[in-house]
Amino acid sequence: MIDRIEASADALWLTPNAEGVVRIGFADDGRELVGPVTKITWQKTSGQVKLGTPLVIVHGEKEELTLRSPFAGRIAAVNTDLVAHPERLNNRNDDLDWMVDLVDD
Protein backbone atom coordinates (compact mmCIF):
# COMPACT_ATOMS: atom_id res chain seq x y z
CA MET A 1 0.00 0.00 0.00
CA ILE A 2 1.21 3.49 -0.87
CA ASP A 3 0.64 5.81 2.08
CA ARG A 4 2.87 8.83 1.52
CA ILE A 5 1.64 12.42 1.59
CA GLU A 6 3.58 13.30 -1.58
CA ALA A 7 2.03 10.40 -3.52
CA SER A 8 -1.40 11.47 -2.30
CA ALA A 9 -0.77 15.08 -3.38
CA ASP A 10 0.28 13.98 -6.88
CA ALA A 11 -2.81 11.79 -7.21
CA LEU A 12 -5.32 14.60 -6.59
CA TRP A 13 -6.75 17.46 -8.60
CA LEU A 14 -8.25 20.49 -6.85
CA THR A 15 -10.79 22.93 -8.26
CA PRO A 16 -12.31 25.88 -6.38
CA ASN A 17 -16.09 25.74 -6.93
CA ALA A 18 -17.74 28.32 -4.73
CA GLU A 19 -16.52 30.71 -2.13
CA GLY A 20 -14.32 28.66 0.17
CA VAL A 21 -15.29 25.27 -1.36
CA VAL A 22 -12.66 23.15 -3.11
CA ARG A 23 -13.62 20.04 -5.08
CA ILE A 24 -11.02 17.26 -4.92
CA GLY A 25 -10.79 14.43 -7.42
CA PHE A 26 -8.59 11.60 -8.65
CA ALA A 27 -5.87 12.73 -11.06
CA ASP A 28 -4.01 10.94 -13.84
CA ASP A 29 -0.94 10.38 -11.63
CA GLY A 30 -3.13 8.39 -9.24
CA ARG A 31 -4.47 6.26 -12.07
CA GLU A 32 -0.91 5.49 -13.14
CA LEU A 33 0.04 4.42 -9.61
CA VAL A 34 -2.87 2.09 -8.89
CA GLY A 35 -3.91 0.85 -12.32
CA PRO A 36 -7.60 0.18 -13.02
CA VAL A 37 -9.59 0.98 -9.87
CA THR A 38 -11.45 -1.96 -8.34
CA LYS A 39 -12.95 -0.36 -5.22
CA ILE A 40 -12.67 2.52 -2.78
CA THR A 41 -12.86 2.56 1.00
CA TRP A 42 -13.87 5.81 2.67
CA GLN A 43 -11.82 6.70 5.75
CA LYS A 44 -13.68 9.93 6.62
CA THR A 45 -16.94 11.23 5.17
CA SER A 46 -17.91 14.11 7.43
CA GLY A 47 -16.65 16.65 9.91
CA GLN A 48 -13.39 18.50 10.28
CA VAL A 49 -10.13 17.30 8.73
CA LYS A 50 -6.54 18.33 9.28
CA LEU A 51 -3.81 18.48 6.69
CA GLY A 52 -2.91 14.85 5.97
CA THR A 53 -6.10 13.27 7.35
CA PRO A 54 -6.78 10.02 5.42
CA LEU A 55 -9.93 10.52 3.31
CA VAL A 56 -10.16 7.43 1.10
CA ILE A 57 -8.20 4.37 0.05
CA VAL A 58 -8.26 3.69 -3.69
CA HIS A 59 -7.78 0.00 -4.47
CA GLY A 60 -6.44 -0.76 -7.93
CA GLU A 61 -5.24 -3.81 -9.82
CA LYS A 62 -1.58 -2.81 -9.25
CA GLU A 63 -1.60 -1.02 -5.90
CA GLU A 64 -3.60 0.60 -3.10
CA LEU A 65 -3.23 4.31 -2.42
CA THR A 66 -4.31 6.26 0.65
CA LEU A 67 -5.47 9.74 -0.34
CA ARG A 68 -5.05 12.39 2.34
CA SER A 69 -6.57 15.81 2.79
CA PRO A 70 -4.39 18.43 1.07
CA PHE A 71 -5.44 21.10 3.60
CA ALA A 72 -7.39 21.55 6.82
CA GLY A 73 -11.09 22.21 6.57
CA ARG A 74 -14.55 20.71 6.80
CA ILE A 75 -16.05 18.05 4.55
CA ALA A 76 -19.05 19.58 2.78
CA ALA A 77 -19.89 16.63 0.49
CA VAL A 78 -18.57 13.26 -0.63
CA ASN A 79 -19.26 11.43 -3.87
CA THR A 80 -20.93 8.36 -2.37
CA ASP A 81 -21.67 6.99 -5.88
CA LEU A 82 -18.01 5.96 -6.12
CA VAL A 83 -18.52 3.03 -3.75
CA ALA A 84 -20.96 1.42 -6.19
CA HIS A 85 -19.09 2.70 -9.26
CA PRO A 86 -15.33 2.81 -8.52
CA GLU A 87 -14.63 2.41 -12.24
CA ARG A 88 -15.57 6.08 -12.63
CA LEU A 89 -12.11 6.88 -11.28
CA ASN A 90 -10.47 5.18 -14.27
CA ASN A 91 -11.10 8.14 -16.59
CA ARG A 92 -10.92 11.89 -16.13
CA ASN A 93 -14.41 13.31 -15.92
CA ASP A 94 -14.71 16.05 -13.30
CA ASP A 95 -18.45 15.46 -12.97
CA LEU A 96 -17.99 11.76 -12.14
CA ASP A 97 -14.50 11.27 -10.65
CA TRP A 98 -14.65 13.94 -7.95
CA MET A 99 -14.30 12.58 -4.42
CA VAL A 100 -14.92 15.26 -1.85
CA ASP A 101 -15.79 18.93 -1.43
CA LEU A 102 -13.82 20.62 1.33
CA VAL A 103 -14.60 23.99 2.88
CA ASP A 104 -11.54 25.95 3.92
CA ASP A 105 -12.61 27.03 7.41
PDB file of N, CA and C in Angstrom:
ATOM      1  N   MET A   1       0.840  -1.186   0.000  1.00  0.00           N
ATOM      2  CA  MET A   1       0.000   0.000   0.000  1.00  0.00           C
ATOM      3  C   MET A   1       0.879   1.240   0.000  1.00  0.00           C
ATOM      4  N   ILE A   2       0.522   2.203  -0.832  1.00  0.00           N
ATOM      5  CA  ILE A   2       1.206   3.492  -0.870  1.00  0.00           C
ATOM      6  C   ILE A   2       0.486   4.423   0.097  1.00  0.00           C
ATOM      7  N   ASP A   3       1.220   4.907   1.081  1.00  0.00           N
ATOM      8  CA  ASP A   3       0.636   5.807   2.080  1.00  0.00           C
ATOM      9  C   ASP A   3       1.640   6.912   2.396  1.00  0.00           C
ATOM     10  N   ARG A   4       1.945   7.716   1.377  1.00  0.00           N
ATOM     11  CA  ARG A   4       2.872   8.835   1.522  1.00  0.00           C
ATOM     12  C   ARG A   4       2.152  10.106   1.102  1.00  0.00           C
ATOM     13  N   ILE A   5       2.337  11.165   1.863  1.00  0.00           N
ATOM     14  CA  ILE A   5       1.644  12.420   1.589  1.00  0.00           C
ATOM     15  C   ILE A   5       1.980  12.953   0.202  1.00  0.00           C
ATOM     16  N   GLU A   6       3.221  12.778  -0.252  1.00  0.00           N
ATOM     17  CA  GLU A   6       3.580  13.304  -1.576  1.00  0.00           C
ATOM     18  C   GLU A   6       2.910  12.515  -2.697  1.00  0.00           C
ATOM     19  N   ALA A   7       2.739  11.205  -2.518  1.00  0.00           N
ATOM     20  CA  ALA A   7       2.026  10.404  -3.516  1.00  0.00           C
ATOM     21  C   ALA A   7       0.559  10.800  -3.548  1.00  0.00           C
ATOM     22  N   SER A   8      -0.008  11.042  -2.385  1.00  0.00           N
ATOM     23  CA  SER A   8      -1.396  11.474  -2.297  1.00  0.00           C
ATOM     24  C   SER A   8      -1.579  12.817  -2.999  1.00  0.00           C
ATOM     25  N   ALA A   9      -0.667  13.754  -2.771  1.00  0.00           N
ATOM     26  CA  ALA A   9      -0.770  15.082  -3.382  1.00  0.00           C
ATOM     27  C   ALA A   9      -0.703  14.995  -4.901  1.00  0.00           C
ATOM     28  N   ASP A  10       0.159  14.147  -5.430  1.00  0.00           N
ATOM     29  CA  ASP A  10       0.282  13.984  -6.881  1.00  0.00           C
ATOM     30  C   ASP A  10      -0.950  13.339  -7.492  1.00  0.00           C
ATOM     31  N   ALA A  11      -1.676  12.561  -6.708  1.00  0.00           N
ATOM     32  CA  ALA A  11      -2.814  11.793  -7.214  1.00  0.00           C
ATOM     33  C   ALA A  11      -4.131  12.566  -7.171  1.00  0.00           C
ATOM     34  N   LEU A  12      -4.093  13.819  -6.742  1.00  0.00           N
ATOM     35  CA  LEU A  12      -5.320  14.599  -6.590  1.00  0.00           C
ATOM     36  C   LEU A  12      -5.342  15.813  -7.504  1.00  0.00           C
ATOM     37  N   TRP A  13      -6.541  16.164  -7.982  1.00  0.00           N
ATOM     38  CA  TRP A  13      -6.748  17.464  -8.601  1.00  0.00           C
ATOM     39  C   TRP A  13      -7.650  18.276  -7.680  1.00  0.00           C
ATOM     40  N   LEU A  14      -7.479  19.584  -7.684  1.00  0.00           N
ATOM     41  CA  LEU A  14      -8.252  20.492  -6.846  1.00  0.00           C
ATOM     42  C   LEU A  14      -8.829  21.604  -7.705  1.00  0.00           C
ATOM     43  N   THR A  15     -10.116  21.871  -7.517  1.00  0.00           N
ATOM     44  CA  THR A  15     -10.787  22.934  -8.258  1.00  0.00           C
ATOM     45  C   THR A  15     -11.669  23.731  -7.308  1.00  0.00           C
ATOM     46  N   PRO A  16     -11.407  25.047  -7.171  1.00  0.00           N
ATOM     47  CA  PRO A  16     -12.308  25.885  -6.379  1.00  0.00           C
ATOM     48  C   PRO A  16     -13.663  25.975  -7.077  1.00  0.00           C
ATOM     49  N   ASN A  17     -14.752  25.700  -6.342  1.00  0.00           N
ATOM     50  CA  ASN A  17     -16.093  25.735  -6.927  1.00  0.00           C
ATOM     51  C   ASN A  17     -16.860  26.979  -6.524  1.00  0.00           C
ATOM     52  N   ALA A  18     -16.999  27.180  -5.260  1.00  0.00           N
ATOM     53  CA  ALA A  18     -17.739  28.316  -4.733  1.00  0.00           C
ATOM     54  C   ALA A  18     -16.849  28.958  -3.681  1.00  0.00           C
ATOM     55  N   GLU A  19     -17.332  30.011  -3.118  1.00  0.00           N
ATOM     56  CA  GLU A  19     -16.518  30.707  -2.129  1.00  0.00           C
ATOM     57  C   GLU A  19     -16.121  29.778  -0.990  1.00  0.00           C
ATOM     58  N   GLY A  20     -14.840  29.486  -0.901  1.00  0.00           N
ATOM     59  CA  GLY A  20     -14.320  28.663   0.173  1.00  0.00           C
ATOM     60  C   GLY A  20     -14.477  27.167  -0.011  1.00  0.00           C
ATOM     61  N   VAL A  21     -15.085  26.704  -1.118  1.00  0.00           N
ATOM     62  CA  VAL A  21     -15.285  25.271  -1.358  1.00  0.00           C
ATOM     63  C   VAL A  21     -14.319  24.811  -2.445  1.00  0.00           C
ATOM     64  N   VAL A  22     -13.592  23.731  -2.149  1.00  0.00           N
ATOM     65  CA  VAL A  22     -12.661  23.155  -3.111  1.00  0.00           C
ATOM     66  C   VAL A  22     -13.076  21.720  -3.392  1.00  0.00           C
ATOM     67  N   ARG A  23     -13.286  21.411  -4.658  1.00  0.00           N
ATOM     68  CA  ARG A  23     -13.621  20.042  -5.081  1.00  0.00           C
ATOM     69  C   ARG A  23     -12.309  19.305  -5.332  1.00  0.00           C
ATOM     70  N   ILE A  24     -12.227  18.074  -4.809  1.00  0.00           N
ATOM     71  CA  ILE A  24     -11.023  17.256  -4.925  1.00  0.00           C
ATOM     72  C   ILE A  24     -11.385  15.981  -5.671  1.00  0.00           C
ATOM     73  N   GLY A  25     -10.548  15.628  -6.638  1.00  0.00           N
ATOM     74  CA  GLY A  25     -10.793  14.428  -7.423  1.00  0.00           C
ATOM     75  C   GLY A  25      -9.525  13.632  -7.665  1.00  0.00           C
ATOM     76  N   PHE A  26      -9.684  12.535  -8.371  1.00  0.00           N
ATOM     77  CA  PHE A  26      -8.593  11.597  -8.646  1.00  0.00           C
ATOM     78  C   PHE A  26      -7.912  11.982  -9.959  1.00  0.00           C
ATOM     79  N   ALA A  27      -6.623  12.246  -9.896  1.00  0.00           N
ATOM     80  CA  ALA A  27      -5.866  12.729 -11.055  1.00  0.00           C
ATOM     81  C   ALA A  27      -5.187  11.585 -11.807  1.00  0.00           C
ATOM     82  N   ASP A  28      -4.674  11.930 -12.994  1.00  0.00           N
ATOM     83  CA  ASP A  28      -4.010  10.937 -13.844  1.00  0.00           C
ATOM     84  C   ASP A  28      -2.832  10.255 -13.148  1.00  0.00           C
ATOM     85  N   ASP A  29      -2.070  10.991 -12.333  1.00  0.00           N
ATOM     86  CA  ASP A  29      -0.941  10.376 -11.627  1.00  0.00           C
ATOM     87  C   ASP A  29      -1.411   9.269 -10.696  1.00  0.00           C
ATOM     88  N   GLY A  30      -2.570   9.440 -10.090  1.00  0.00           N
ATOM     89  CA  GLY A  30      -3.134   8.391  -9.235  1.00  0.00           C
ATOM     90  C   GLY A  30      -3.509   7.161 -10.035  1.00  0.00           C
ATOM     91  N   ARG A  31      -4.104   7.384 -11.201  1.00  0.00           N
ATOM     92  CA  ARG A  31      -4.471   6.259 -12.066  1.00  0.00           C
ATOM     93  C   ARG A  31      -3.243   5.468 -12.488  1.00  0.00           C
ATOM     94  N   GLU A  32      -2.141   6.174 -12.767  1.00  0.00           N
ATOM     95  CA  GLU A  32      -0.907   5.487 -13.141  1.00  0.00           C
ATOM     96  C   GLU A  32      -0.359   4.658 -11.991  1.00  0.00           C
ATOM     97  N   LEU A  33      -0.480   5.147 -10.771  1.00  0.00           N
ATOM     98  CA  LEU A  33       0.043   4.424  -9.607  1.00  0.00           C
ATOM     99  C   LEU A  33      -0.734   3.150  -9.300  1.00  0.00           C
ATOM    100  N   VAL A  34      -2.059   3.225  -9.354  1.00  0.00           N
ATOM    101  CA  VAL A  34      -2.869   2.087  -8.889  1.00  0.00           C
ATOM    102  C   VAL A  34      -3.345   1.169 -10.006  1.00  0.00           C
ATOM    103  N   GLY A  35      -3.342   1.644 -11.239  1.00  0.00           N
ATOM    104  CA  GLY A  35      -3.912   0.849 -12.325  1.00  0.00           C
ATOM    105  C   GLY A  35      -5.425   0.970 -12.286  1.00  0.00           C
ATOM    106  N   PRO A  36      -6.130   0.122 -13.024  1.00  0.00           N
ATOM    107  CA  PRO A  36      -7.596   0.178 -13.016  1.00  0.00           C
ATOM    108  C   PRO A  36      -8.140   0.044 -11.585  1.00  0.00           C
ATOM    109  N   VAL A  37      -9.037   0.951 -11.231  1.00  0.00           N
ATOM    110  CA  VAL A  37      -9.594   0.984  -9.872  1.00  0.00           C
ATOM    111  C   VAL A  37     -10.636  -0.117  -9.719  1.00  0.00           C
ATOM    112  N   THR A  38     -10.525  -0.868  -8.611  1.00  0.00           N
ATOM    113  CA  THR A  38     -11.453  -1.965  -8.343  1.00  0.00           C
ATOM    114  C   THR A  38     -12.438  -1.637  -7.227  1.00  0.00           C
ATOM    115  N   LYS A  39     -12.032  -0.792  -6.277  1.00  0.00           N
ATOM    116  CA  LYS A  39     -12.947  -0.357  -5.215  1.00  0.00           C
ATOM    117  C   LYS A  39     -12.326   0.803  -4.463  1.00  0.00           C
ATOM    118  N   ILE A  40     -13.165   1.489  -3.681  1.00  0.00           N
ATOM    119  CA  ILE A  40     -12.674   2.524  -2.784  1.00  0.00           C
ATOM    120  C   ILE A  40     -13.206   2.240  -1.383  1.00  0.00           C
ATOM    121  N   THR A  41     -12.455   2.694  -0.399  1.00  0.00           N
ATOM    122  CA  THR A  41     -12.857   2.556   0.996  1.00  0.00           C
ATOM    123  C   THR A  41     -12.743   3.931   1.649  1.00  0.00           C
ATOM    124  N   TRP A  42     -13.883   4.501   2.016  1.00  0.00           N
ATOM    125  CA  TRP A  42     -13.869   5.814   2.667  1.00  0.00           C
ATOM    126  C   TRP A  42     -13.271   5.692   4.052  1.00  0.00           C
ATOM    127  N   GLN A  43     -12.405   6.629   4.419  1.00  0.00           N
ATOM    128  CA  GLN A  43     -11.819   6.702   5.747  1.00  0.00           C
ATOM    129  C   GLN A  43     -12.492   7.781   6.595  1.00  0.00           C
ATOM    130  N   LYS A  44     -12.990   8.825   5.923  1.00  0.00           N
ATOM    131  CA  LYS A  44     -13.676   9.926   6.624  1.00  0.00           C
ATOM    132  C   LYS A  44     -14.660  10.552   5.651  1.00  0.00           C
ATOM    133  N   THR A  45     -15.913  10.699   6.072  1.00  0.00           N
ATOM    134  CA  THR A  45     -16.937  11.231   5.167  1.00  0.00           C
ATOM    135  C   THR A  45     -17.636  12.477   5.699  1.00  0.00           C
ATOM    136  N   SER A  46     -17.276  12.917   6.882  1.00  0.00           N
ATOM    137  CA  SER A  46     -17.911  14.113   7.433  1.00  0.00           C
ATOM    138  C   SER A  46     -17.017  14.730   8.497  1.00  0.00           C
ATOM    139  N   GLY A  47     -17.341  15.976   8.820  1.00  0.00           N
ATOM    140  CA  GLY A  47     -16.648  16.654   9.905  1.00  0.00           C
ATOM    141  C   GLY A  47     -15.386  17.366   9.478  1.00  0.00           C
ATOM    142  N   GLN A  48     -14.627  17.762  10.477  1.00  0.00           N
ATOM    143  CA  GLN A  48     -13.386  18.501  10.279  1.00  0.00           C
ATOM    144  C   GLN A  48     -12.257  17.540   9.896  1.00  0.00           C
ATOM    145  N   VAL A  49     -11.334  18.041   9.078  1.00  0.00           N
ATOM    146  CA  VAL A  49     -10.127  17.296   8.733  1.00  0.00           C
ATOM    147  C   VAL A  49      -8.923  18.218   8.907  1.00  0.00           C
ATOM    148  N   LYS A  50      -7.809  17.618   9.199  1.00  0.00           N
ATOM    149  CA  LYS A  50      -6.544  18.331   9.283  1.00  0.00           C
ATOM    150  C   LYS A  50      -5.740  18.009   8.032  1.00  0.00           C
ATOM    151  N   LEU A  51      -4.733  18.785   7.762  1.00  0.00           N
ATOM    152  CA  LEU A  51      -3.811  18.478   6.687  1.00  0.00           C
ATOM    153  C   LEU A  51      -3.288  17.060   6.890  1.00  0.00           C
ATOM    154  N   GLY A  52      -3.424  16.217   5.893  1.00  0.00           N
ATOM    155  CA  GLY A  52      -2.914  14.847   5.972  1.00  0.00           C
ATOM    156  C   GLY A  52      -3.886  13.822   6.504  1.00  0.00           C
ATOM    157  N   THR A  53      -5.102  14.233   6.877  1.00  0.00           N
ATOM    158  CA  THR A  53      -6.097  13.268   7.348  1.00  0.00           C
ATOM    159  C   THR A  53      -6.444  12.298   6.220  1.00  0.00           C
ATOM    160  N   PRO A  54      -6.387  10.977   6.462  1.00  0.00           N
ATOM    161  CA  PRO A  54      -6.785  10.024   5.420  1.00  0.00           C
ATOM    162  C   PRO A  54      -8.264  10.193   5.070  1.00  0.00           C
ATOM    163  N   LEU A  55      -8.555  10.363   3.779  1.00  0.00           N
ATOM    164  CA  LEU A  55      -9.930  10.519   3.309  1.00  0.00           C
ATOM    165  C   LEU A  55     -10.473   9.239   2.699  1.00  0.00           C
ATOM    166  N   VAL A  56      -9.679   8.589   1.852  1.00  0.00           N
ATOM    167  CA  VAL A  56     -10.160   7.429   1.101  1.00  0.00           C
ATOM    168  C   VAL A  56      -8.971   6.574   0.687  1.00  0.00           C
ATOM    169  N   ILE A  57      -9.195   5.278   0.618  1.00  0.00           N
ATOM    170  CA  ILE A  57      -8.204   4.370   0.047  1.00  0.00           C
ATOM    171  C   ILE A  57      -8.730   3.926  -1.309  1.00  0.00           C
ATOM    172  N   VAL A  58      -7.915   4.120  -2.339  1.00  0.00           N
ATOM    173  CA  VAL A  58      -8.263   3.692  -3.690  1.00  0.00           C
ATOM    174  C   VAL A  58      -7.544   2.374  -3.941  1.00  0.00           C
ATOM    175  N   HIS A  59      -8.321   1.330  -4.202  1.00  0.00           N
ATOM    176  CA  HIS A  59      -7.776   0.000  -4.466  1.00  0.00           C
ATOM    177  C   HIS A  59      -7.749  -0.206  -5.977  1.00  0.00           C
ATOM    178  N   GLY A  60      -6.574  -0.515  -6.499  1.00  0.00           N
ATOM    179  CA  GLY A  60      -6.436  -0.761  -7.925  1.00  0.00           C
ATOM    180  C   GLY A  60      -5.867  -2.138  -8.187  1.00  0.00           C
ATOM    181  N   GLU A  61      -5.785  -2.499  -9.450  1.00  0.00           N
ATOM    182  CA  GLU A  61      -5.244  -3.806  -9.817  1.00  0.00           C
ATOM    183  C   GLU A  61      -3.759  -3.915  -9.502  1.00  0.00           C
ATOM    184  N   LYS A  62      -3.018  -2.779  -9.521  1.00  0.00           N
ATOM    185  CA  LYS A  62      -1.583  -2.810  -9.251  1.00  0.00           C
ATOM    186  C   LYS A  62      -1.229  -2.463  -7.817  1.00  0.00           C
ATOM    187  N   GLU A  63      -1.998  -1.577  -7.186  1.00  0.00           N
ATOM    188  CA  GLU A  63      -1.596  -1.021  -5.897  1.00  0.00           C
ATOM    189  C   GLU A  63      -2.795  -0.419  -5.179  1.00  0.00           C
ATOM    190  N   GLU A  64      -2.634  -0.148  -3.882  1.00  0.00           N
ATOM    191  CA  GLU A  64      -3.604   0.604  -3.104  1.00  0.00           C
ATOM    192  C   GLU A  64      -2.958   1.923  -2.709  1.00  0.00           C
ATOM    193  N   LEU A  65      -3.751   2.988  -2.702  1.00  0.00           N
ATOM    194  CA  LEU A  65      -3.232   4.313  -2.416  1.00  0.00           C
ATOM    195  C   LEU A  65      -4.137   5.018  -1.423  1.00  0.00           C
ATOM    196  N   THR A  66      -3.571   5.462  -0.313  1.00  0.00           N
ATOM    197  CA  THR A  66      -4.314   6.265   0.654  1.00  0.00           C
ATOM    198  C   THR A  66      -4.240   7.722   0.236  1.00  0.00           C
ATOM    199  N   LEU A  67      -5.403   8.328   0.020  1.00  0.00           N
ATOM    200  CA  LEU A  67      -5.466   9.740  -0.344  1.00  0.00           C
ATOM    201  C   LEU A  67      -5.775  10.550   0.911  1.00  0.00           C
ATOM    202  N   ARG A  68      -4.964  11.575   1.137  1.00  0.00           N
ATOM    203  CA  ARG A  68      -5.053  12.389   2.344  1.00  0.00           C
ATOM    204  C   ARG A  68      -5.487  13.810   2.014  1.00  0.00           C
ATOM    205  N   SER A  69      -6.099  14.443   2.983  1.00  0.00           N
ATOM    206  CA  SER A  69      -6.571  15.812   2.790  1.00  0.00           C
ATOM    207  C   SER A  69      -5.389  16.737   2.492  1.00  0.00           C
ATOM    208  N   PRO A  70      -5.486  17.524   1.413  1.00  0.00           N
ATOM    209  CA  PRO A  70      -4.385  18.429   1.068  1.00  0.00           C
ATOM    210  C   PRO A  70      -4.363  19.723   1.890  1.00  0.00           C
ATOM    211  N   PHE A  71      -5.398  19.940   2.702  1.00  0.00           N
ATOM    212  CA  PHE A  71      -5.439  21.096   3.596  1.00  0.00           C
ATOM    213  C   PHE A  71      -6.470  20.842   4.689  1.00  0.00           C
ATOM    214  N   ALA A  72      -6.421  21.661   5.726  1.00  0.00           N
ATOM    215  CA  ALA A  72      -7.386  21.554   6.822  1.00  0.00           C
ATOM    216  C   ALA A  72      -8.696  22.206   6.408  1.00  0.00           C
ATOM    217  N   GLY A  73      -9.788  21.650   6.878  1.00  0.00           N
ATOM    218  CA  GLY A  73     -11.090  22.214   6.571  1.00  0.00           C
ATOM    219  C   GLY A  73     -12.205  21.321   7.055  1.00  0.00           C
ATOM    220  N   ARG A  74     -13.371  21.485   6.438  1.00  0.00           N
ATOM    221  CA  ARG A  74     -14.546  20.710   6.799  1.00  0.00           C
ATOM    222  C   ARG A  74     -15.103  20.042   5.541  1.00  0.00           C
ATOM    223  N   ILE A  75     -15.456  18.775   5.668  1.00  0.00           N
ATOM    224  CA  ILE A  75     -16.047  18.046   4.546  1.00  0.00           C
ATOM    225  C   ILE A  75     -17.464  18.563   4.331  1.00  0.00           C
ATOM    226  N   ALA A  76     -17.728  19.072   3.125  1.00  0.00           N
ATOM    227  CA  ALA A  76     -19.052  19.584   2.778  1.00  0.00           C
ATOM    228  C   ALA A  76     -19.871  18.525   2.040  1.00  0.00           C
ATOM    229  N   ALA A  77     -19.203  17.667   1.258  1.00  0.00           N
ATOM    230  CA  ALA A  77     -19.895  16.628   0.492  1.00  0.00           C
ATOM    231  C   ALA A  77     -18.893  15.569   0.073  1.00  0.00           C
ATOM    232  N   VAL A  78     -19.376  14.338  -0.067  1.00  0.00           N
ATOM    233  CA  VAL A  78     -18.571  13.257  -0.632  1.00  0.00           C
ATOM    234  C   VAL A  78     -19.358  12.627  -1.782  1.00  0.00           C
ATOM    235  N   ASN A  79     -18.638  12.081  -2.723  1.00  0.00           N
ATOM    236  CA  ASN A  79     -19.255  11.435  -3.872  1.00  0.00           C
ATOM    237  C   ASN A  79     -19.498   9.965  -3.510  1.00  0.00           C
ATOM    238  N   THR A  80     -20.622   9.713  -2.854  1.00  0.00           N
ATOM    239  CA  THR A  80     -20.933   8.361  -2.375  1.00  0.00           C
ATOM    240  C   THR A  80     -21.186   7.384  -3.517  1.00  0.00           C
ATOM    241  N   ASP A  81     -21.464   7.871  -4.728  1.00  0.00           N
ATOM    242  CA  ASP A  81     -21.671   6.989  -5.877  1.00  0.00           C
ATOM    243  C   ASP A  81     -20.420   6.188  -6.220  1.00  0.00           C
ATOM    244  N   LEU A  82     -19.249   6.654  -5.779  1.00  0.00           N
ATOM    245  CA  LEU A  82     -18.010   5.962  -6.117  1.00  0.00           C
ATOM    246  C   LEU A  82     -17.896   4.584  -5.477  1.00  0.00           C
ATOM    247  N   VAL A  83     -18.568   4.363  -4.369  1.00  0.00           N
ATOM    248  CA  VAL A  83     -18.525   3.033  -3.748  1.00  0.00           C
ATOM    249  C   VAL A  83     -19.148   2.002  -4.683  1.00  0.00           C
ATOM    250  N   ALA A  84     -20.283   2.334  -5.262  1.00  0.00           N
ATOM    251  CA  ALA A  84     -20.964   1.422  -6.190  1.00  0.00           C
ATOM    252  C   ALA A  84     -20.334   1.444  -7.581  1.00  0.00           C
ATOM    253  N   HIS A  85     -19.653   2.543  -7.920  1.00  0.00           N
ATOM    254  CA  HIS A  85     -19.085   2.701  -9.259  1.00  0.00           C
ATOM    255  C   HIS A  85     -17.633   3.175  -9.197  1.00  0.00           C
ATOM    256  N   PRO A  86     -16.727   2.379  -8.610  1.00  0.00           N
ATOM    257  CA  PRO A  86     -15.331   2.814  -8.515  1.00  0.00           C
ATOM    258  C   PRO A  86     -14.665   2.967  -9.876  1.00  0.00           C
ATOM    259  N   GLU A  87     -15.207   2.321 -10.897  1.00  0.00           N
ATOM    260  CA  GLU A  87     -14.634   2.407 -12.245  1.00  0.00           C
ATOM    261  C   GLU A  87     -14.695   3.832 -12.797  1.00  0.00           C
ATOM    262  N   ARG A  88     -15.510   4.687 -12.198  1.00  0.00           N
ATOM    263  CA  ARG A  88     -15.571   6.085 -12.633  1.00  0.00           C
ATOM    264  C   ARG A  88     -14.237   6.804 -12.420  1.00  0.00           C
ATOM    265  N   LEU A  89     -13.416   6.269 -11.531  1.00  0.00           N
ATOM    266  CA  LEU A  89     -12.112   6.876 -11.276  1.00  0.00           C
ATOM    267  C   LEU A  89     -11.083   6.528 -12.344  1.00  0.00           C
ATOM    268  N   ASN A  90     -11.424   5.623 -13.256  1.00  0.00           N
ATOM    269  CA  ASN A  90     -10.470   5.181 -14.270  1.00  0.00           C
ATOM    270  C   ASN A  90     -10.280   6.185 -15.406  1.00  0.00           C
ATOM    271  N   ASN A  91     -11.178   7.139 -15.530  1.00  0.00           N
ATOM    272  CA  ASN A  91     -11.098   8.143 -16.592  1.00  0.00           C
ATOM    273  C   ASN A  91     -11.376   9.520 -16.035  1.00  0.00           C
ATOM    274  N   ARG A  92     -10.723  10.516 -16.590  1.00  0.00           N
ATOM    275  CA  ARG A  92     -10.915  11.885 -16.132  1.00  0.00           C
ATOM    276  C   ARG A  92     -12.263  12.408 -16.610  1.00  0.00           C
ATOM    277  N   ASN A  93     -13.126  12.682 -15.666  1.00  0.00           N
ATOM    278  CA  ASN A  93     -14.407  13.313 -15.917  1.00  0.00           C
ATOM    279  C   ASN A  93     -14.778  14.009 -14.614  1.00  0.00           C
ATOM    280  N   ASP A  94     -14.546  15.306 -14.553  1.00  0.00           N
ATOM    281  CA  ASP A  94     -14.714  16.047 -13.300  1.00  0.00           C
ATOM    282  C   ASP A  94     -16.097  15.912 -12.687  1.00  0.00           C
ATOM    283  N   ASP A  95     -17.095  15.632 -13.502  1.00  0.00           N
ATOM    284  CA  ASP A  95     -18.449  15.459 -12.974  1.00  0.00           C
ATOM    285  C   ASP A  95     -18.650  14.107 -12.313  1.00  0.00           C
ATOM    286  N   LEU A  96     -17.828  13.121 -12.671  1.00  0.00           N
ATOM    287  CA  LEU A  96     -17.988  11.764 -12.138  1.00  0.00           C
ATOM    288  C   LEU A  96     -16.868  11.333 -11.194  1.00  0.00           C
ATOM    289  N   ASP A  97     -15.623  11.795 -11.431  1.00  0.00           N
ATOM    290  CA  ASP A  97     -14.505  11.274 -10.654  1.00  0.00           C
ATOM    291  C   ASP A  97     -14.101  12.157  -9.476  1.00  0.00           C
ATOM    292  N   TRP A  98     -14.939  13.144  -9.143  1.00  0.00           N
ATOM    293  CA  TRP A  98     -14.647  13.935  -7.945  1.00  0.00           C
ATOM    294  C   TRP A  98     -14.896  13.067  -6.708  1.00  0.00           C
ATOM    295  N   MET A  99     -14.199  13.377  -5.648  1.00  0.00           N
ATOM    296  CA  MET A  99     -14.302  12.579  -4.424  1.00  0.00           C
ATOM    297  C   MET A  99     -14.951  13.325  -3.277  1.00  0.00           C
ATOM    298  N   VAL A 100     -14.467  14.537  -3.034  1.00  0.00           N
ATOM    299  CA  VAL A 100     -14.922  15.260  -1.848  1.00  0.00           C
ATOM    300  C   VAL A 100     -14.867  16.765  -2.094  1.00  0.00           C
ATOM    301  N   ASP A 101     -15.811  17.467  -1.473  1.00  0.00           N
ATOM    302  CA  ASP A 101     -15.790  18.928  -1.427  1.00  0.00           C
ATOM    303  C   ASP A 101     -15.353  19.329  -0.024  1.00  0.00           C
ATOM    304  N   LEU A 102     -14.302  20.136   0.049  1.00  0.00           N
ATOM    305  CA  LEU A 102     -13.823  20.625   1.332  1.00  0.00           C
ATOM    306  C   LEU A 102     -14.029  22.132   1.428  1.00  0.00           C
ATOM    307  N   VAL A 103     -14.457  22.581   2.608  1.00  0.00           N
ATOM    308  CA  VAL A 103     -14.603  23.991   2.883  1.00  0.00           C
ATOM    309  C   VAL A 103     -13.389  24.410   3.701  1.00  0.00           C
ATOM    310  N   ASP A 104     -12.721  25.419   3.223  1.00  0.00           N
ATOM    311  CA  ASP A 104     -11.544  25.952   3.916  1.00  0.00           C
ATOM    312  C   ASP A 104     -12.013  26.845   5.051  1.00  0.00           C
ATOM    313  N   ASP A 105     -12.119  26.265   6.236  1.00  0.00           N
ATOM    314  CA  ASP A 105     -12.608  27.034   7.408  1.00  0.00           C
ATOM    315  C   ASP A 105     -11.539  27.916   8.012  1.00  0.00           C
TER     316      ASP A 105
END
